[in-house]
PDB file of all heavy atoms in Angstrom:
ATOM      1  N   SER A   1      27.459 -46.023  13.189  1.00  0.00           N
ATOM      2  CA  SER A   1      26.326 -45.568  13.999  1.00  0.00           C
ATOM      3  C   SER A   1      26.508 -45.920  15.479  1.00  0.00           C
ATOM      4  O   SER A   1      25.904 -45.287  16.355  1.00  0.00           O
ATOM      5  CB  SER A   1      25.027 -46.181  13.479  1.00  0.00           C
ATOM      6  OG  SER A   1      25.079 -47.592  13.533  1.00  0.00           O
ATOM      7  N   ASN A   2      27.340 -46.915  15.764  1.00  0.00           N
ATOM      8  CA  ASN A   2      27.577 -47.314  17.161  1.00  0.00           C
ATOM      9  C   ASN A   2      28.898 -46.787  17.704  1.00  0.00           C
ATOM     10  O   ASN A   2      29.167 -46.911  18.903  1.00  0.00           O
ATOM     11  CB  ASN A   2      27.579 -48.845  17.283  1.00  0.00           C
ATOM     12  CG  ASN A   2      26.210 -49.440  16.991  1.00  0.00           C
ATOM     13  OD1 ASN A   2      25.186 -48.806  17.232  1.00  0.00           O
ATOM     14  ND2 ASN A   2      26.186 -50.644  16.450  1.00  0.00           N
ATOM     15  N   ALA A   3      29.721 -46.232  16.849  1.00  0.00           N
ATOM     16  CA  ALA A   3      31.064 -45.823  17.256  1.00  0.00           C
ATOM     17  C   ALA A   3      31.051 -44.471  17.965  1.00  0.00           C
ATOM     18  O   ALA A   3      30.212 -43.603  17.689  1.00  0.00           O
ATOM     19  CB  ALA A   3      31.974 -45.743  16.032  1.00  0.00           C
ATOM     20  N   ILE A   4      31.985 -44.305  18.888  1.00  0.00           N
ATOM     21  CA  ILE A   4      32.231 -43.014  19.523  1.00  0.00           C
ATOM     22  C   ILE A   4      33.427 -42.387  18.813  1.00  0.00           C
ATOM     23  O   ILE A   4      34.508 -42.980  18.759  1.00  0.00           O
ATOM     24  CB  ILE A   4      32.515 -43.171  21.025  1.00  0.00           C
ATOM     25  CG1 ILE A   4      31.294 -43.779  21.724  1.00  0.00           C
ATOM     26  CG2 ILE A   4      32.874 -41.819  21.649  1.00  0.00           C
ATOM     27  CD1 ILE A   4      31.531 -44.112  23.190  1.00  0.00           C
ATOM     28  N   ILE A   5      33.206 -41.199  18.255  1.00  0.00           N
ATOM     29  CA  ILE A   5      34.224 -40.569  17.410  1.00  0.00           C
ATOM     30  C   ILE A   5      34.563 -39.188  17.961  1.00  0.00           C
ATOM     31  O   ILE A   5      33.675 -38.372  18.227  1.00  0.00           O
ATOM     32  CB  ILE A   5      33.733 -40.436  15.953  1.00  0.00           C
ATOM     33  CG1 ILE A   5      33.357 -41.816  15.399  1.00  0.00           C
ATOM     34  CG2 ILE A   5      34.800 -39.770  15.080  1.00  0.00           C
ATOM     35  CD1 ILE A   5      32.716 -41.764  14.022  1.00  0.00           C
ATOM     36  N   THR A   6      35.847 -38.943  18.117  1.00  0.00           N
ATOM     37  CA  THR A   6      36.318 -37.643  18.566  1.00  0.00           C
ATOM     38  C   THR A   6      37.117 -36.984  17.456  1.00  0.00           C
ATOM     39  O   THR A   6      38.033 -37.586  16.898  1.00  0.00           O
ATOM     40  CB  THR A   6      37.207 -37.769  19.821  1.00  0.00           C
ATOM     41  OG1 THR A   6      36.406 -38.219  20.917  1.00  0.00           O
ATOM     42  CG2 THR A   6      37.835 -36.429  20.184  1.00  0.00           C
ATOM     43  N   VAL A   7      36.762 -35.741  17.154  1.00  0.00           N
ATOM     44  CA  VAL A   7      37.491 -34.938  16.175  1.00  0.00           C
ATOM     45  C   VAL A   7      38.165 -33.801  16.931  1.00  0.00           C
ATOM     46  O   VAL A   7      37.534 -33.116  17.741  1.00  0.00           O
ATOM     47  CB  VAL A   7      36.533 -34.387  15.094  1.00  0.00           C
ATOM     48  CG1 VAL A   7      37.274 -33.455  14.136  1.00  0.00           C
ATOM     49  CG2 VAL A   7      35.888 -35.533  14.320  1.00  0.00           C
ATOM     50  N   ILE A   8      39.451 -33.614  16.664  1.00  0.00           N
ATOM     51  CA  ILE A   8      40.219 -32.599  17.387  1.00  0.00           C
ATOM     52  C   ILE A   8      40.645 -31.492  16.421  1.00  0.00           C
ATOM     53  O   ILE A   8      41.253 -31.762  15.381  1.00  0.00           O
ATOM     54  CB  ILE A   8      41.469 -33.219  18.052  1.00  0.00           C
ATOM     55  CG1 ILE A   8      41.063 -34.366  18.988  1.00  0.00           C
ATOM     56  CG2 ILE A   8      42.258 -32.163  18.816  1.00  0.00           C
ATOM     57  CD1 ILE A   8      42.250 -35.124  19.579  1.00  0.00           C
ATOM     58  N   GLY A   9      40.300 -30.238  16.774  1.00  0.00           N
ATOM     59  CA  GLY A   9      40.666 -29.103  15.937  1.00  0.00           C
ATOM     60  C   GLY A   9      39.452 -28.463  15.291  1.00  0.00           C
ATOM     61  O   GLY A   9      38.463 -29.143  15.009  1.00  0.00           O
ATOM     62  N   VAL A  10      39.531 -27.179  15.048  1.00  0.00           N
ATOM     63  CA  VAL A  10      38.433 -26.436  14.409  1.00  0.00           C
ATOM     64  C   VAL A  10      38.975 -25.748  13.166  1.00  0.00           C
ATOM     65  O   VAL A  10      39.774 -24.815  13.247  1.00  0.00           O
ATOM     66  CB  VAL A  10      37.829 -25.397  15.373  1.00  0.00           C
ATOM     67  CG1 VAL A  10      36.778 -24.556  14.662  1.00  0.00           C
ATOM     68  CG2 VAL A  10      37.223 -26.087  16.590  1.00  0.00           C
ATOM     69  N   ASN A  11      38.544 -26.218  12.013  1.00  0.00           N
ATOM     70  CA  ASN A  11      38.960 -25.653  10.724  1.00  0.00           C
ATOM     71  C   ASN A  11      38.072 -26.252   9.645  1.00  0.00           C
ATOM     72  O   ASN A  11      37.176 -27.065   9.944  1.00  0.00           O
ATOM     73  CB  ASN A  11      40.441 -25.937  10.442  1.00  0.00           C
ATOM     74  CG  ASN A  11      40.814 -27.381  10.708  1.00  0.00           C
ATOM     75  OD1 ASN A  11      40.242 -28.287  10.104  1.00  0.00           O
ATOM     76  ND2 ASN A  11      41.751 -27.606  11.625  1.00  0.00           N
ATOM     77  N   LYS A  12      38.289 -25.866   8.407  1.00  0.00           N
ATOM     78  CA  LYS A  12      37.452 -26.366   7.313  1.00  0.00           C
ATOM     79  C   LYS A  12      37.567 -27.884   7.177  1.00  0.00           C
ATOM     80  O   LYS A  12      36.586 -28.576   6.905  1.00  0.00           O
ATOM     81  CB  LYS A  12      37.831 -25.699   5.995  1.00  0.00           C
ATOM     82  CG  LYS A  12      36.932 -26.120   4.829  1.00  0.00           C
ATOM     83  CD  LYS A  12      37.340 -25.459   3.528  1.00  0.00           C
ATOM     84  CE  LYS A  12      36.354 -25.797   2.411  1.00  0.00           C
ATOM     85  NZ  LYS A  12      36.213 -27.251   2.180  1.00  0.00           N
ATOM     86  N   LEU A  13      38.762 -28.407   7.369  1.00  0.00           N
ATOM     87  CA  LEU A  13      38.971 -29.850   7.231  1.00  0.00           C
ATOM     88  C   LEU A  13      38.157 -30.632   8.246  1.00  0.00           C
ATOM     89  O   LEU A  13      37.496 -31.618   7.903  1.00  0.00           O
ATOM     90  CB  LEU A  13      40.468 -30.153   7.384  1.00  0.00           C
ATOM     91  CG  LEU A  13      40.912 -31.610   7.241  1.00  0.00           C
ATOM     92  CD1 LEU A  13      40.410 -32.227   5.945  1.00  0.00           C
ATOM     93  CD2 LEU A  13      42.428 -31.700   7.329  1.00  0.00           C
ATOM     94  N   THR A  14      38.168 -30.192   9.506  1.00  0.00           N
ATOM     95  CA  THR A  14      37.394 -30.907  10.524  1.00  0.00           C
ATOM     96  C   THR A  14      35.892 -30.696  10.316  1.00  0.00           C
ATOM     97  O   THR A  14      35.091 -31.597  10.575  1.00  0.00           O
ATOM     98  CB  THR A  14      37.803 -30.473  11.943  1.00  0.00           C
ATOM     99  OG1 THR A  14      37.713 -29.050  12.057  1.00  0.00           O
ATOM    100  CG2 THR A  14      39.222 -30.914  12.243  1.00  0.00           C
ATOM    101  N   ARG A  15      35.522 -29.509   9.838  1.00  0.00           N
ATOM    102  CA  ARG A  15      34.097 -29.274   9.546  1.00  0.00           C
ATOM    103  C   ARG A  15      33.604 -30.235   8.467  1.00  0.00           C
ATOM    104  O   ARG A  15      32.553 -30.868   8.615  1.00  0.00           O
ATOM    105  CB  ARG A  15      33.882 -27.827   9.101  1.00  0.00           C
ATOM    106  CG  ARG A  15      32.431 -27.516   8.740  1.00  0.00           C
ATOM    107  CD  ARG A  15      32.278 -26.080   8.245  1.00  0.00           C
ATOM    108  NE  ARG A  15      30.884 -25.783   7.938  1.00  0.00           N
ATOM    109  CZ  ARG A  15      30.295 -26.109   6.789  1.00  0.00           C
ATOM    110  NH1 ARG A  15      30.988 -26.726   5.850  1.00  0.00           N
ATOM    111  NH2 ARG A  15      29.019 -25.820   6.584  1.00  0.00           N
ATOM    112  N   ASP A  16      34.352 -30.336   7.369  1.00  0.00           N
ATOM    113  CA  ASP A  16      33.965 -31.249   6.283  1.00  0.00           C
ATOM    114  C   ASP A  16      33.910 -32.679   6.783  1.00  0.00           C
ATOM    115  O   ASP A  16      32.995 -33.438   6.447  1.00  0.00           O
ATOM    116  CB  ASP A  16      34.955 -31.144   5.120  1.00  0.00           C
ATOM    117  CG  ASP A  16      34.844 -29.830   4.376  1.00  0.00           C
ATOM    118  OD1 ASP A  16      33.846 -29.112   4.569  1.00  0.00           O
ATOM    119  OD2 ASP A  16      35.764 -29.515   3.591  1.00  0.00           O
ATOM    120  N   THR A  17      34.890 -33.060   7.583  1.00  0.00           N
ATOM    121  CA  THR A  17      34.942 -34.430   8.103  1.00  0.00           C
ATOM    122  C   THR A  17      33.726 -34.728   8.971  1.00  0.00           C
ATOM    123  O   THR A  17      33.110 -35.795   8.847  1.00  0.00           O
ATOM    124  CB  THR A  17      36.240 -34.642   8.908  1.00  0.00           C
ATOM    125  OG1 THR A  17      37.368 -34.371   8.071  1.00  0.00           O
ATOM    126  CG2 THR A  17      36.325 -36.079   9.409  1.00  0.00           C
ATOM    127  N   LEU A  18      33.360 -33.796   9.833  1.00  0.00           N
ATOM    128  CA  LEU A  18      32.186 -33.987  10.694  1.00  0.00           C
ATOM    129  C   LEU A  18      30.905 -34.126   9.863  1.00  0.00           C
ATOM    130  O   LEU A  18      30.056 -34.982  10.145  1.00  0.00           O
ATOM    131  CB  LEU A  18      32.053 -32.821  11.675  1.00  0.00           C
ATOM    132  CG  LEU A  18      33.040 -32.817  12.845  1.00  0.00           C
ATOM    133  CD1 LEU A  18      33.071 -31.439  13.508  1.00  0.00           C
ATOM    134  CD2 LEU A  18      32.688 -33.899  13.861  1.00  0.00           C
ATOM    135  N   LEU A  19      30.778 -33.295   8.842  1.00  0.00           N
ATOM    136  CA  LEU A  19      29.590 -33.369   7.990  1.00  0.00           C
ATOM    137  C   LEU A  19      29.521 -34.701   7.253  1.00  0.00           C
ATOM    138  O   LEU A  19      28.449 -35.323   7.167  1.00  0.00           O
ATOM    139  CB  LEU A  19      29.596 -32.204   6.987  1.00  0.00           C
ATOM    140  CG  LEU A  19      29.321 -30.817   7.570  1.00  0.00           C
ATOM    141  CD1 LEU A  19      29.570 -29.742   6.521  1.00  0.00           C
ATOM    142  CD2 LEU A  19      27.894 -30.725   8.099  1.00  0.00           C
ATOM    143  N   PHE A  20      30.655 -35.162   6.742  1.00  0.00           N
ATOM    144  CA  PHE A  20      30.673 -36.446   6.037  1.00  0.00           C
ATOM    145  C   PHE A  20      30.349 -37.591   6.998  1.00  0.00           C
ATOM    146  O   PHE A  20      29.649 -38.542   6.637  1.00  0.00           O
ATOM    147  CB  PHE A  20      32.039 -36.677   5.383  1.00  0.00           C
ATOM    148  CG  PHE A  20      32.299 -35.797   4.190  1.00  0.00           C
ATOM    149  CD1 PHE A  20      33.532 -35.199   4.015  1.00  0.00           C
ATOM    150  CD2 PHE A  20      31.312 -35.554   3.242  1.00  0.00           C
ATOM    151  CE1 PHE A  20      33.788 -34.385   2.919  1.00  0.00           C
ATOM    152  CE2 PHE A  20      31.551 -34.732   2.145  1.00  0.00           C
ATOM    153  CZ  PHE A  20      32.794 -34.152   1.984  1.00  0.00           C
ATOM    154  N   LEU A  21      30.859 -37.508   8.211  1.00  0.00           N
ATOM    155  CA  LEU A  21      30.572 -38.550   9.201  1.00  0.00           C
ATOM    156  C   LEU A  21      29.079 -38.591   9.515  1.00  0.00           C
ATOM    157  O   LEU A  21      28.478 -39.676   9.606  1.00  0.00           O
ATOM    158  CB  LEU A  21      31.371 -38.291  10.480  1.00  0.00           C
ATOM    159  CG  LEU A  21      32.868 -38.606  10.420  1.00  0.00           C
ATOM    160  CD1 LEU A  21      33.589 -38.015  11.624  1.00  0.00           C
ATOM    161  CD2 LEU A  21      33.106 -40.115  10.355  1.00  0.00           C
ATOM    162  N   ARG A  22      28.477 -37.432   9.686  1.00  0.00           N
ATOM    163  CA  ARG A  22      27.035 -37.368   9.934  1.00  0.00           C
ATOM    164  C   ARG A  22      26.261 -37.993   8.772  1.00  0.00           C
ATOM    165  O   ARG A  22      25.332 -38.783   8.970  1.00  0.00           O
ATOM    166  CB  ARG A  22      26.596 -35.920  10.107  1.00  0.00           C
ATOM    167  CG  ARG A  22      26.739 -35.401  11.504  1.00  0.00           C
ATOM    168  CD  ARG A  22      25.590 -35.884  12.382  1.00  0.00           C
ATOM    169  NE  ARG A  22      25.678 -35.312  13.709  1.00  0.00           N
ATOM    170  CZ  ARG A  22      25.817 -36.015  14.821  1.00  0.00           C
ATOM    171  NH1 ARG A  22      25.905 -37.336  14.775  1.00  0.00           N
ATOM    172  NH2 ARG A  22      25.856 -35.417  16.004  1.00  0.00           N
ATOM    173  N   ASN A  23      26.648 -37.651   7.553  1.00  0.00           N
ATOM    174  CA  ASN A  23      25.961 -38.189   6.368  1.00  0.00           C
ATOM    175  C   ASN A  23      26.103 -39.699   6.249  1.00  0.00           C
ATOM    176  O   ASN A  23      25.240 -40.360   5.654  1.00  0.00           O
ATOM    177  CB  ASN A  23      26.495 -37.522   5.102  1.00  0.00           C
ATOM    178  CG  ASN A  23      26.074 -36.072   4.988  1.00  0.00           C
ATOM    179  OD1 ASN A  23      25.072 -35.672   5.569  1.00  0.00           O
ATOM    180  ND2 ASN A  23      26.826 -35.281   4.250  1.00  0.00           N
ATOM    181  N   LYS A  24      27.191 -40.230   6.811  1.00  0.00           N
ATOM    182  CA  LYS A  24      27.421 -41.681   6.760  1.00  0.00           C
ATOM    183  C   LYS A  24      26.796 -42.409   7.947  1.00  0.00           C
ATOM    184  O   LYS A  24      26.942 -43.620   8.082  1.00  0.00           O
ATOM    185  CB  LYS A  24      28.923 -41.971   6.712  1.00  0.00           C
ATOM    186  CG  LYS A  24      29.583 -41.600   5.386  1.00  0.00           C
ATOM    187  CD  LYS A  24      29.094 -42.491   4.259  1.00  0.00           C
ATOM    188  CE  LYS A  24      29.786 -42.186   2.951  1.00  0.00           C
ATOM    189  NZ  LYS A  24      29.318 -43.067   1.852  1.00  0.00           N
ATOM    190  N   GLY A  25      26.106 -41.682   8.803  1.00  0.00           N
ATOM    191  CA  GLY A  25      25.380 -42.336   9.893  1.00  0.00           C
ATOM    192  C   GLY A  25      26.054 -42.309  11.247  1.00  0.00           C
ATOM    193  O   GLY A  25      25.551 -42.916  12.201  1.00  0.00           O
ATOM    194  N   ALA A  26      27.171 -41.612  11.373  1.00  0.00           N
ATOM    195  CA  ALA A  26      27.821 -41.509  12.683  1.00  0.00           C
ATOM    196  C   ALA A  26      26.898 -40.756  13.643  1.00  0.00           C
ATOM    197  O   ALA A  26      26.327 -39.726  13.296  1.00  0.00           O
ATOM    198  CB  ALA A  26      29.157 -40.785  12.547  1.00  0.00           C
ATOM    199  N   PHE A  27      26.778 -41.263  14.852  1.00  0.00           N
ATOM    200  CA  PHE A  27      25.800 -40.714  15.794  1.00  0.00           C
ATOM    201  C   PHE A  27      26.475 -39.985  16.950  1.00  0.00           C
ATOM    202  O   PHE A  27      26.111 -38.858  17.290  1.00  0.00           O
ATOM    203  CB  PHE A  27      24.914 -41.836  16.334  1.00  0.00           C
ATOM    204  CG  PHE A  27      23.848 -41.361  17.276  1.00  0.00           C
ATOM    205  CD1 PHE A  27      22.722 -40.698  16.786  1.00  0.00           C
ATOM    206  CD2 PHE A  27      23.960 -41.559  18.641  1.00  0.00           C
ATOM    207  CE1 PHE A  27      21.736 -40.236  17.653  1.00  0.00           C
ATOM    208  CE2 PHE A  27      22.983 -41.107  19.522  1.00  0.00           C
ATOM    209  CZ  PHE A  27      21.866 -40.445  19.014  1.00  0.00           C
ATOM    210  N   THR A  28      27.471 -40.623  17.587  1.00  0.00           N
ATOM    211  CA  THR A  28      28.113 -40.034  18.757  1.00  0.00           C
ATOM    212  C   THR A  28      29.410 -39.361  18.346  1.00  0.00           C
ATOM    213  O   THR A  28      30.436 -40.006  18.110  1.00  0.00           O
ATOM    214  CB  THR A  28      28.399 -41.106  19.828  1.00  0.00           C
ATOM    215  OG1 THR A  28      27.187 -41.813  20.118  1.00  0.00           O
ATOM    216  CG2 THR A  28      28.926 -40.472  21.107  1.00  0.00           C
ATOM    217  N   LEU A  29      29.356 -38.027  18.250  1.00  0.00           N
ATOM    218  CA  LEU A  29      30.499 -37.246  17.807  1.00  0.00           C
ATOM    219  C   LEU A  29      30.886 -36.214  18.869  1.00  0.00           C
ATOM    220  O   LEU A  29      30.030 -35.508  19.398  1.00  0.00           O
ATOM    221  CB  LEU A  29      30.170 -36.507  16.506  1.00  0.00           C
ATOM    222  CG  LEU A  29      29.926 -37.346  15.250  1.00  0.00           C
ATOM    223  CD1 LEU A  29      29.419 -36.457  14.118  1.00  0.00           C
ATOM    224  CD2 LEU A  29      31.211 -38.046  14.826  1.00  0.00           C
ATOM    225  N   PHE A  30      32.183 -36.149  19.154  1.00  0.00           N
ATOM    226  CA  PHE A  30      32.721 -35.130  20.040  1.00  0.00           C
ATOM    227  C   PHE A  30      33.680 -34.251  19.245  1.00  0.00           C
ATOM    228  O   PHE A  30      34.434 -34.742  18.403  1.00  0.00           O
ATOM    229  CB  PHE A  30      33.483 -35.756  21.214  1.00  0.00           C
ATOM    230  CG  PHE A  30      32.617 -36.497  22.187  1.00  0.00           C
ATOM    231  CD1 PHE A  30      32.483 -37.870  22.108  1.00  0.00           C
ATOM    232  CD2 PHE A  30      31.933 -35.810  23.183  1.00  0.00           C
ATOM    233  CE1 PHE A  30      31.686 -38.566  23.006  1.00  0.00           C
ATOM    234  CE2 PHE A  30      31.123 -36.497  24.085  1.00  0.00           C
ATOM    235  CZ  PHE A  30      31.005 -37.879  23.993  1.00  0.00           C
ATOM    236  N   LEU A  31      33.660 -32.962  19.525  1.00  0.00           N
ATOM    237  CA  LEU A  31      34.612 -32.034  18.936  1.00  0.00           C
ATOM    238  C   LEU A  31      35.433 -31.437  20.063  1.00  0.00           C
ATOM    239  O   LEU A  31      34.891 -30.781  20.959  1.00  0.00           O
ATOM    240  CB  LEU A  31      33.889 -30.923  18.160  1.00  0.00           C
ATOM    241  CG  LEU A  31      34.788 -29.836  17.558  1.00  0.00           C
ATOM    242  CD1 LEU A  31      35.765 -30.425  16.546  1.00  0.00           C
ATOM    243  CD2 LEU A  31      33.942 -28.729  16.919  1.00  0.00           C
ATOM    244  N   ALA A  32      36.735 -31.676  20.025  1.00  0.00           N
ATOM    245  CA  ALA A  32      37.628 -31.170  21.070  1.00  0.00           C
ATOM    246  C   ALA A  32      38.512 -30.071  20.511  1.00  0.00           C
ATOM    247  O   ALA A  32      38.991 -30.151  19.376  1.00  0.00           O
ATOM    248  CB  ALA A  32      38.502 -32.304  21.619  1.00  0.00           C
ATOM    249  N   ASN A  33      38.722 -29.042  21.341  1.00  0.00           N
ATOM    250  CA  ASN A  33      39.544 -27.926  20.894  1.00  0.00           C
ATOM    251  C   ASN A  33      40.073 -27.179  22.108  1.00  0.00           C
ATOM    252  O   ASN A  33      39.491 -27.250  23.200  1.00  0.00           O
ATOM    253  CB  ASN A  33      38.723 -26.973  20.023  1.00  0.00           C
ATOM    254  CG  ASN A  33      39.592 -26.019  19.230  1.00  0.00           C
ATOM    255  OD1 ASN A  33      40.482 -26.443  18.506  1.00  0.00           O
ATOM    256  ND2 ASN A  33      39.347 -24.728  19.365  1.00  0.00           N
ATOM    257  N   ARG A  34      41.175 -26.464  21.916  1.00  0.00           N
ATOM    258  CA  ARG A  34      41.711 -25.696  23.027  1.00  0.00           C
ATOM    259  C   ARG A  34      40.739 -24.580  23.424  1.00  0.00           C
ATOM    260  O   ARG A  34      40.536 -24.311  24.600  1.00  0.00           O
ATOM    261  CB  ARG A  34      43.074 -25.107  22.617  1.00  0.00           C
ATOM    262  CG  ARG A  34      44.015 -24.902  23.783  1.00  0.00           C
ATOM    263  CD  ARG A  34      45.418 -24.574  23.315  1.00  0.00           C
ATOM    264  NE  ARG A  34      46.055 -25.671  22.625  1.00  0.00           N
ATOM    265  CZ  ARG A  34      46.628 -26.704  23.229  1.00  0.00           C
ATOM    266  NH1 ARG A  34      46.621 -26.778  24.549  1.00  0.00           N
ATOM    267  NH2 ARG A  34      47.205 -27.659  22.545  1.00  0.00           N
ATOM    268  N   SER A  35      40.122 -23.956  22.409  1.00  0.00           N
ATOM    269  CA  SER A  35      39.102 -22.934  22.668  1.00  0.00           C
ATOM    270  C   SER A  35      37.716 -23.568  22.542  1.00  0.00           C
ATOM    271  O   SER A  35      37.269 -23.903  21.451  1.00  0.00           O
ATOM    272  CB  SER A  35      39.238 -21.782  21.662  1.00  0.00           C
ATOM    273  OG  SER A  35      38.101 -20.950  21.717  1.00  0.00           O
TER     274      SER A  35
END
């Protein structure tokens, strides 16, 4: 909940990972991508 987390890439794997992180209480999430 206090960690800053960056996920790089847009695909099903990163989508699932982001959803699981949210469910586990992650608050500060960044998604980085070329597009």
